[in-house]
Each structure stands twice: as structure tokens, then as C-alpha cells.
PDB file of N, CA and C in Angstrom:
ATOM      1  N   MET A   1      31.052  93.830 167.656  1.00  0.00           N
ATOM      2  CA  MET A   1      30.988  92.448 167.229  1.00  0.00           C
ATOM      3  C   MET A   1      31.704  91.588 168.254  1.00  0.00           C
ATOM      4  N   THR A   2      31.185  90.442 168.448  1.00  0.00           N
ATOM      5  CA  THR A   2      31.811  89.521 169.382  1.00  0.00           C
ATOM      6  C   THR A   2      32.105  88.226 168.672  1.00  0.00           C
ATOM      7  N   GLY A   3      33.012  87.461 169.213  1.00  0.00           N
ATOM      8  CA  GLY A   3      33.359  86.174 168.632  1.00  0.00           C
ATOM      9  C   GLY A   3      34.566  86.294 167.723  1.00  0.00           C
ATOM     10  N   ASP A   4      35.007  85.129 167.242  1.00  0.00           N
ATOM     11  CA  ASP A   4      36.205  85.078 166.406  1.00  0.00           C
ATOM     12  C   ASP A   4      35.898  84.986 164.919  1.00  0.00           C
ATOM     13  N   THR A   5      34.651  84.832 164.543  1.00  0.00           N
ATOM     14  CA  THR A   5      34.329  84.679 163.129  1.00  0.00           C
ATOM     15  C   THR A   5      34.197  86.046 162.462  1.00  0.00           C
ATOM     16  N   PRO A   6      34.836  86.196 161.310  1.00  0.00           N
ATOM     17  CA  PRO A   6      34.722  87.472 160.592  1.00  0.00           C
ATOM     18  C   PRO A   6      33.318  87.614 160.009  1.00  0.00           C
ATOM     19  N   PRO A   7      32.874  88.825 159.769  1.00  0.00           N
ATOM     20  CA  PRO A   7      31.534  89.021 159.195  1.00  0.00           C
ATOM     21  C   PRO A   7      31.490  88.496 157.763  1.00  0.00           C
ATOM     22  N   GLN A   8      30.355  87.966 157.349  1.00  0.00           N
ATOM     23  CA  GLN A   8      30.193  87.476 155.984  1.00  0.00           C
ATOM     24  C   GLN A   8      29.866  88.639 155.060  1.00  0.00           C
ATOM     25  N   ARG A   9      30.465  88.599 153.886  1.00  0.00           N
ATOM     26  CA  ARG A   9      30.202  89.646 152.904  1.00  0.00           C
ATOM     27  C   ARG A   9      28.924  89.329 152.144  1.00  0.00           C
ATOM     28  N   VAL A  10      28.144  90.339 151.896  1.00  0.00           N
ATOM     29  CA  VAL A  10      26.919  90.178 151.115  1.00  0.00           C
ATOM     30  C   VAL A  10      27.248  90.206 149.627  1.00  0.00           C
ATOM     31  N   VAL A  11      28.222  91.017 149.253  1.00  0.00           N
ATOM     32  CA  VAL A  11      28.639  91.160 147.866  1.00  0.00           C
ATOM     33  C   VAL A  11      30.091  90.727 147.771  1.00  0.00           C
ATOM     34  N   THR A  12      30.433  90.013 146.707  1.00  0.00           N
ATOM     35  CA  THR A  12      31.803  89.560 146.511  1.00  0.00           C
ATOM     36  C   THR A  12      32.189  89.729 145.045  1.00  0.00           C
ATOM     37  N   SER A  13      33.469  89.878 144.796  1.00  0.00           N
ATOM     38  CA  SER A  13      33.951  89.992 143.417  1.00  0.00           C
ATOM     39  C   SER A  13      34.278  88.624 142.826  1.00  0.00           C
ATOM     40  N   GLU A  14      34.199  87.581 143.630  1.00  0.00           N
ATOM     41  CA  GLU A  14      34.494  86.234 143.140  1.00  0.00           C
ATOM     42  C   GLU A  14      33.331  85.717 142.299  1.00  0.00           C
ATOM     43  N   ARG A  15      33.680  84.957 141.266  1.00  0.00           N
ATOM     44  CA  ARG A  15      32.643  84.379 140.407  1.00  0.00           C
ATOM     45  C   ARG A  15      32.008  83.199 141.121  1.00  0.00           C
ATOM     46  N   LEU A  16      30.720  83.094 140.995  1.00  0.00           N
ATOM     47  CA  LEU A  16      29.981  81.983 141.573  1.00  0.00           C
ATOM     48  C   LEU A  16      29.635  80.992 140.471  1.00  0.00           C
ATOM     49  N   GLY A  17      29.357  79.761 140.823  1.00  0.00           N
ATOM     50  CA  GLY A  17      29.046  78.727 139.837  1.00  0.00           C
ATOM     51  C   GLY A  17      27.880  79.085 138.945  1.00  0.00           C
ATOM     52  N   ASP A  18      26.864  79.712 139.490  1.00  0.00           N
ATOM     53  CA  ASP A  18      25.699  80.089 138.690  1.00  0.00           C
ATOM     54  C   ASP A  18      26.023  81.168 137.667  1.00  0.00           C
ATOM     55  N   ASP A  19      27.029  81.990 137.952  1.00  0.00           N
ATOM     56  CA  ASP A  19      27.394  83.064 137.023  1.00  0.00           C
ATOM     57  C   ASP A  19      27.786  82.500 135.665  1.00  0.00           C
ATOM     58  N   ASP A  20      28.640  81.489 135.667  1.00  0.00           N
ATOM     59  CA  ASP A  20      29.112  80.914 134.411  1.00  0.00           C
ATOM     60  C   ASP A  20      27.973  80.270 133.630  1.00  0.00           C
ATOM     61  N   ARG A  21      27.125  79.529 134.304  1.00  0.00           N
ATOM     62  CA  ARG A  21      26.021  78.845 133.636  1.00  0.00           C
ATOM     63  C   ARG A  21      25.067  79.863 133.013  1.00  0.00           C
ATOM     64  N   PHE A  22      24.764  80.906 133.729  1.00  0.00           N
ATOM     65  CA  PHE A  22      23.853  81.936 133.241  1.00  0.00           C
ATOM     66  C   PHE A  22      24.464  82.694 132.066  1.00  0.00           C
ATOM     67  N   GLU A  23      25.744  83.044 132.188  1.00  0.00           N
ATOM     68  CA  GLU A  23      26.408  83.834 131.151  1.00  0.00           C
ATOM     69  C   GLU A  23      26.533  83.059 129.852  1.00  0.00           C
ATOM     70  N   VAL A  24      26.864  81.784 129.930  1.00  0.00           N
ATOM     71  CA  VAL A  24      27.014  80.966 128.728  1.00  0.00           C
ATOM     72  C   VAL A  24      25.691  80.869 127.975  1.00  0.00           C
ATOM     73  N   GLY A  25      24.590  80.801 128.696  1.00  0.00           N
ATOM     74  CA  GLY A  25      23.285  80.714 128.050  1.00  0.00           C
ATOM     75  C   GLY A  25      22.901  81.969 127.292  1.00  0.00           C
ATOM     76  N   LEU A  26      23.492  83.100 127.628  1.00  0.00           N
ATOM     77  CA  LEU A  26      23.166  84.365 126.969  1.00  0.00           C
ATOM     78  C   LEU A  26      24.004  84.625 125.729  1.00  0.00           C
ATOM     79  N   ARG A  27      25.137  84.005 125.620  1.00  0.00           N
ATOM     80  CA  ARG A  27      26.047  84.289 124.511  1.00  0.00           C
ATOM     81  C   ARG A  27      25.667  83.480 123.269  1.00  0.00           C
ATOM     82  N   PRO A  28      25.682  84.123 122.104  1.00  0.00           N
ATOM     83  CA  PRO A  28      25.375  83.391 120.866  1.00  0.00           C
ATOM     84  C   PRO A  28      26.462  82.367 120.562  1.00  0.00           C
ATOM     85  N   ARG A  29      26.067  81.270 119.938  1.00  0.00           N
ATOM     86  CA  ARG A  29      27.021  80.212 119.622  1.00  0.00           C
ATOM     87  C   ARG A  29      27.523  80.299 118.179  1.00  0.00           C
ATOM     88  N   THR A  30      26.842  81.049 117.333  1.00  0.00           N
ATOM     89  CA  THR A  30      27.268  81.217 115.942  1.00  0.00           C
ATOM     90  C   THR A  30      27.248  82.702 115.588  1.00  0.00           C
ATOM     91  N   LEU A  31      27.954  83.052 114.536  1.00  0.00           N
ATOM     92  CA  LEU A  31      27.940  84.446 114.092  1.00  0.00           C
ATOM     93  C   LEU A  31      26.552  84.847 113.605  1.00  0.00           C
ATOM     94  N   ASP A  32      25.798  83.903 113.057  1.00  0.00           N
ATOM     95  CA  ASP A  32      24.438  84.214 112.592  1.00  0.00           C
ATOM     96  C   ASP A  32      23.521  84.591 113.746  1.00  0.00           C
ATOM     97  N   ALA A  33      23.773  84.046 114.922  1.00  0.00           N
ATOM     98  CA  ALA A  33      22.933  84.336 116.089  1.00  0.00           C
ATOM     99  C   ALA A  33      23.311  85.662 116.743  1.00  0.00           C
ATOM    100  N   TYR A  34      24.449  86.224 116.361  1.00  0.00           N
ATOM    101  CA  TYR A  34      24.920  87.487 116.931  1.00  0.00           C
ATOM    102  C   TYR A  34      24.163  88.640 116.276  1.00  0.00           C
ATOM    103  N   ILE A  35      23.570  89.494 117.082  1.00  0.00           N
ATOM    104  CA  ILE A  35      22.772  90.611 116.564  1.00  0.00           C
ATOM    105  C   ILE A  35      23.625  91.875 116.540  1.00  0.00           C
ATOM    106  N   GLY A  36      23.647  92.548 115.410  1.00  0.00           N
ATOM    107  CA  GLY A  36      24.406  93.789 115.283  1.00  0.00           C
ATOM    108  C   GLY A  36      25.770  93.565 114.653  1.00  0.00           C
ATOM    109  N   GLN A  37      26.452  94.659 114.364  1.00  0.00           N
ATOM    110  CA  GLN A  37      27.807  94.632 113.796  1.00  0.00           C
ATOM    111  C   GLN A  37      27.872  93.772 112.527  1.00  0.00           C
ATOM    112  N   GLU A  38      26.942  93.997 111.598  1.00  0.00           N
ATOM    113  CA  GLU A  38      26.851  93.166 110.402  1.00  0.00           C
ATOM    114  C   GLU A  38      28.142  93.153 109.591  1.00  0.00           C
ATOM    115  N   ARG A  39      28.728  94.330 109.375  1.00  0.00           N
ATOM    116  CA  ARG A  39      29.949  94.398 108.564  1.00  0.00           C
ATOM    117  C   ARG A  39      31.091  93.619 109.211  1.00  0.00           C
ATOM    118  N   LEU A  40      31.226  93.757 110.511  1.00  0.00           N
ATOM    119  CA  LEU A  40      32.267  93.028 111.230  1.00  0.00           C
ATOM    120  C   LEU A  40      32.021  91.523 111.165  1.00  0.00           C
ATOM    121  N   ARG A  41      30.776  91.121 111.337  1.00  0.00           N
ATOM    122  CA  ARG A  41      30.448  89.693 111.265  1.00  0.00           C
ATOM    123  C   ARG A  41      30.777  89.122 109.893  1.00  0.00           C
ATOM    124  N   GLU A  42      30.452  89.863 108.844  1.00  0.00           N
ATOM    125  CA  GLU A  42      30.752  89.395 107.488  1.00  0.00           C
ATOM    126  C   GLU A  42      32.255  89.227 107.294  1.00  0.00           C
ATOM    127  N   ASN A  43      33.038  90.197 107.750  1.00  0.00           N
ATOM    128  CA  ASN A  43      34.495  90.106 107.617  1.00  0.00           C
ATOM    129  C   ASN A  43      35.053  88.929 108.412  1.00  0.00           C
ATOM    130  N   LEU A  44      34.549  88.743 109.626  1.00  0.00           N
ATOM    131  CA  LEU A  44      35.007  87.613 110.436  1.00  0.00           C
ATOM    132  C   LEU A  44      34.630  86.284 109.793  1.00  0.00           C
ATOM    133  N   GLU A  45      33.445  86.214 109.236  1.00  0.00           N
ATOM    134  CA  GLU A  45      32.993  84.981 108.582  1.00  0.00           C
ATOM    135  C   GLU A  45      33.922  84.610 107.430  1.00  0.00           C
ATOM    136  N   VAL A  46      34.324  85.597 106.633  1.00  0.00           N
ATOM    137  CA  VAL A  46      35.252  85.349 105.527  1.00  0.00           C
ATOM    138  C   VAL A  46      36.590  84.850 106.066  1.00  0.00           C
ATOM    139  N   SER A  47      37.104  85.494 107.096  1.00  0.00           N
ATOM    140  CA  SER A  47      38.388  85.094 107.676  1.00  0.00           C
ATOM    141  C   SER A  47      38.325  83.695 108.274  1.00  0.00           C
ATOM    142  N   ILE A  48      37.256  83.399 108.989  1.00  0.00           N
ATOM    143  CA  ILE A  48      37.106  82.080 109.615  1.00  0.00           C
ATOM    144  C   ILE A  48      36.965  80.989 108.563  1.00  0.00           C
ATOM    145  N   THR A  49      36.162  81.251 107.538  1.00  0.00           N
ATOM    146  CA  THR A  49      35.973  80.271 106.470  1.00  0.00           C
ATOM    147  C   THR A  49      37.288  80.000 105.744  1.00  0.00           C
ATOM    148  N   ALA A  50      38.044  81.047 105.446  1.00  0.00           N
ATOM    149  CA  ALA A  50      39.328  80.878 104.760  1.00  0.00           C
ATOM    150  C   ALA A  50      40.305  80.079 105.618  1.00  0.00           C
ATOM    151  N   ALA A  51      40.352  80.355 106.908  1.00  0.00           N
ATOM    152  CA  ALA A  51      41.250  79.620 107.799  1.00  0.00           C
ATOM    153  C   ALA A  51      40.855  78.146 107.863  1.00  0.00           C
ATOM    154  N   ARG A  52      39.568  77.867 107.896  1.00  0.00           N
ATOM    155  CA  ARG A  52      39.109  76.470 107.925  1.00  0.00           C
ATOM    156  C   ARG A  52      39.481  75.748 106.638  1.00  0.00           C
ATOM    157  N   GLN A  53      39.330  76.420 105.502  1.00  0.00           N
ATOM    158  CA  GLN A  53      39.665  75.793 104.222  1.00  0.00           C
ATOM    159  C   GLN A  53      41.158  75.506 104.119  1.00  0.00           C
ATOM    160  N   ARG A  54      41.965  76.364 104.724  1.00  0.00           N
ATOM    161  CA  ARG A  54      43.417  76.147 104.723  1.00  0.00           C
ATOM    162  C   ARG A  54      43.848  75.191 105.824  1.00  0.00           C
ATOM    163  N   ALA A  55      42.924  74.815 106.699  1.00  0.00           N
ATOM    164  CA  ALA A  55      43.213  73.969 107.868  1.00  0.00           C
ATOM    165  C   ALA A  55      44.278  74.624 108.745  1.00  0.00           C
ATOM    166  N   GLU A  56      44.147  75.930 108.924  1.00  0.00           N
ATOM    167  CA  GLU A  56      45.071  76.701 109.753  1.00  0.00           C
ATOM    168  C   GLU A  56      44.291  77.442 110.823  1.00  0.00           C
ATOM    169  N   ALA A  57      45.018  77.928 111.807  1.00  0.00           N
ATOM    170  CA  ALA A  57      44.397  78.752 112.846  1.00  0.00           C
ATOM    171  C   ALA A  57      44.046  80.122 112.266  1.00  0.00           C
ATOM    172  N   LEU A  58      43.029  80.725 112.824  1.00  0.00           N
ATOM    173  CA  LEU A  58      42.628  82.068 112.408  1.00  0.00           C
ATOM    174  C   LEU A  58      43.727  83.061 112.766  1.00  0.00           C
ATOM    175  N   ASP A  59      44.017  83.989 111.852  1.00  0.00           N
ATOM    176  CA  ASP A  59      44.987  85.039 112.156  1.00  0.00           C
ATOM    177  C   ASP A  59      44.489  85.860 113.335  1.00  0.00           C
ATOM    178  N   HIS A  60      45.398  86.591 113.938  1.00  0.00           N
ATOM    179  CA  HIS A  60      45.036  87.418 115.087  1.00  0.00           C
ATOM    180  C   HIS A  60      44.033  88.493 114.676  1.00  0.00           C
ATOM    181  N   ALA A  61      43.149  88.812 115.598  1.00  0.00           N
ATOM    182  CA  ALA A  61      42.168  89.876 115.374  1.00  0.00           C
ATOM    183  C   ALA A  61      42.088  90.714 116.642  1.00  0.00           C
ATOM    184  N   LEU A  62      42.100  92.012 116.489  1.00  0.00           N
ATOM    185  CA  LEU A  62      42.002  92.923 117.626  1.00  0.00           C
ATOM    186  C   LEU A  62      40.670  93.651 117.541  1.00  0.00           C
ATOM    187  N   LEU A  63      39.844  93.458 118.549  1.00  0.00           N
ATOM    188  CA  LEU A  63      38.559  94.153 118.620  1.00  0.00           C
ATOM    189  C   LEU A  63      38.720  95.300 119.604  1.00  0.00           C
ATOM    190  N   TYR A  64      38.420  96.497 119.168  1.00  0.00           N
ATOM    191  CA  TYR A  64      38.568  97.646 120.057  1.00  0.00           C
ATOM    192  C   TYR A  64      37.359  98.556 119.912  1.00  0.00           C
ATOM    193  N   GLY A  65      37.128  99.347 120.924  1.00  0.00           N
ATOM    194  CA  GLY A  65      36.011 100.280 120.911  1.00  0.00           C
ATOM    195  C   GLY A  65      35.524 100.529 122.320  1.00  0.00           C
ATOM    196  N   PRO A  66      34.564 101.419 122.457  1.00  0.00           N
ATOM    197  CA  PRO A  66      34.059 101.750 123.789  1.00  0.00           C
ATOM    198  C   PRO A  66      33.274 100.583 124.388  1.00  0.00           C
ATOM    199  N   PRO A  67      33.051 100.625 125.691  1.00  0.00           N
ATOM    200  CA  PRO A  67      32.284  99.562 126.348  1.00  0.00           C
ATOM    201  C   PRO A  67      30.867  99.465 125.786  1.00  0.00           C
ATOM    202  N   GLY A  68      30.354  98.242 125.775  1.00  0.00           N
ATOM    203  CA  GLY A  68      28.969  98.032 125.394  1.00  0.00           C
ATOM    204  C   GLY A  68      28.730  97.687 123.939  1.00  0.00           C
ATOM    205  N   LEU A  69      29.782  97.513 123.157  1.00  0.00           N
ATOM    206  CA  LEU A  69      29.605  97.198 121.740  1.00  0.00           C
ATOM    207  C   LEU A  69      29.484  95.705 121.465  1.00  0.00           C
ATOM    208  N   GLY A  70      29.834  94.867 122.440  1.00  0.00           N
ATOM    209  CA  GLY A  70      29.737  93.422 122.257  1.00  0.00           C
ATOM    210  C   GLY A  70      31.047  92.752 121.909  1.00  0.00           C
ATOM    211  N   LYS A  71      32.161  93.409 122.188  1.00  0.00           N
ATOM    212  CA  LYS A  71      33.463  92.822 121.870  1.00  0.00           C
ATOM    213  C   LYS A  71      33.664  91.498 122.600  1.00  0.00           C
ATOM    214  N   THR A  72      33.355  91.453 123.868  1.00  0.00           N
ATOM    215  CA  THR A  72      33.539  90.236 124.657  1.00  0.00           C
ATOM    216  C   THR A  72      32.609  89.140 124.169  1.00  0.00           C
ATOM    217  N   THR A  73      31.386  89.479 123.870  1.00  0.00           N
ATOM    218  CA  THR A  73      30.427  88.491 123.388  1.00  0.00           C
ATOM    219  C   THR A  73      30.863  87.925 122.052  1.00  0.00           C
ATOM    220  N   LEU A  74      31.364  88.772 121.168  1.00  0.00           N
ATOM    221  CA  LEU A  74      31.797  88.326 119.855  1.00  0.00           C
ATOM    222  C   LEU A  74      33.035  87.467 119.981  1.00  0.00           C
TER     223      LEU A  74
END
């Protein structure tokens, strides 16, 4: 290689502007739009509704399990 400019990377770990726009469009905006995990959704709906009625923040919730279950999406 010649010159003072470093080579450009084809792949990067940095997030690009299009990544956020694309990802947001894929995520459901309501629990009803979320597919799967019916029992968990029902429990969360009860907790969220109760917190709203009390005008308080939702209590802490820990979602755990193997990759691919939708924890991040939920």
C-alpha cells in the first residue's frame, strides 16, 4: 500500500443511520402486535395496566432466556 490514508473498512461494528430507522420499523409498538409469548404478554399487560391506574412507574421486570426469544423486542 502506498500513501498516508488508511484502508477503508468494508464492515464496521458502528451503527449507521439506516440501521436505527430499519430496526424501529420492525419492532411492534403495542403488546397486541407482538407475536408469541402469550402468557408473558398477558402478565405484562396486567402489570402495565395496574401501574397506569396507580399513576406509578412499572415495577422492575427481568426478562431472561436463550437468544432468539424476543426479549429485546419485547
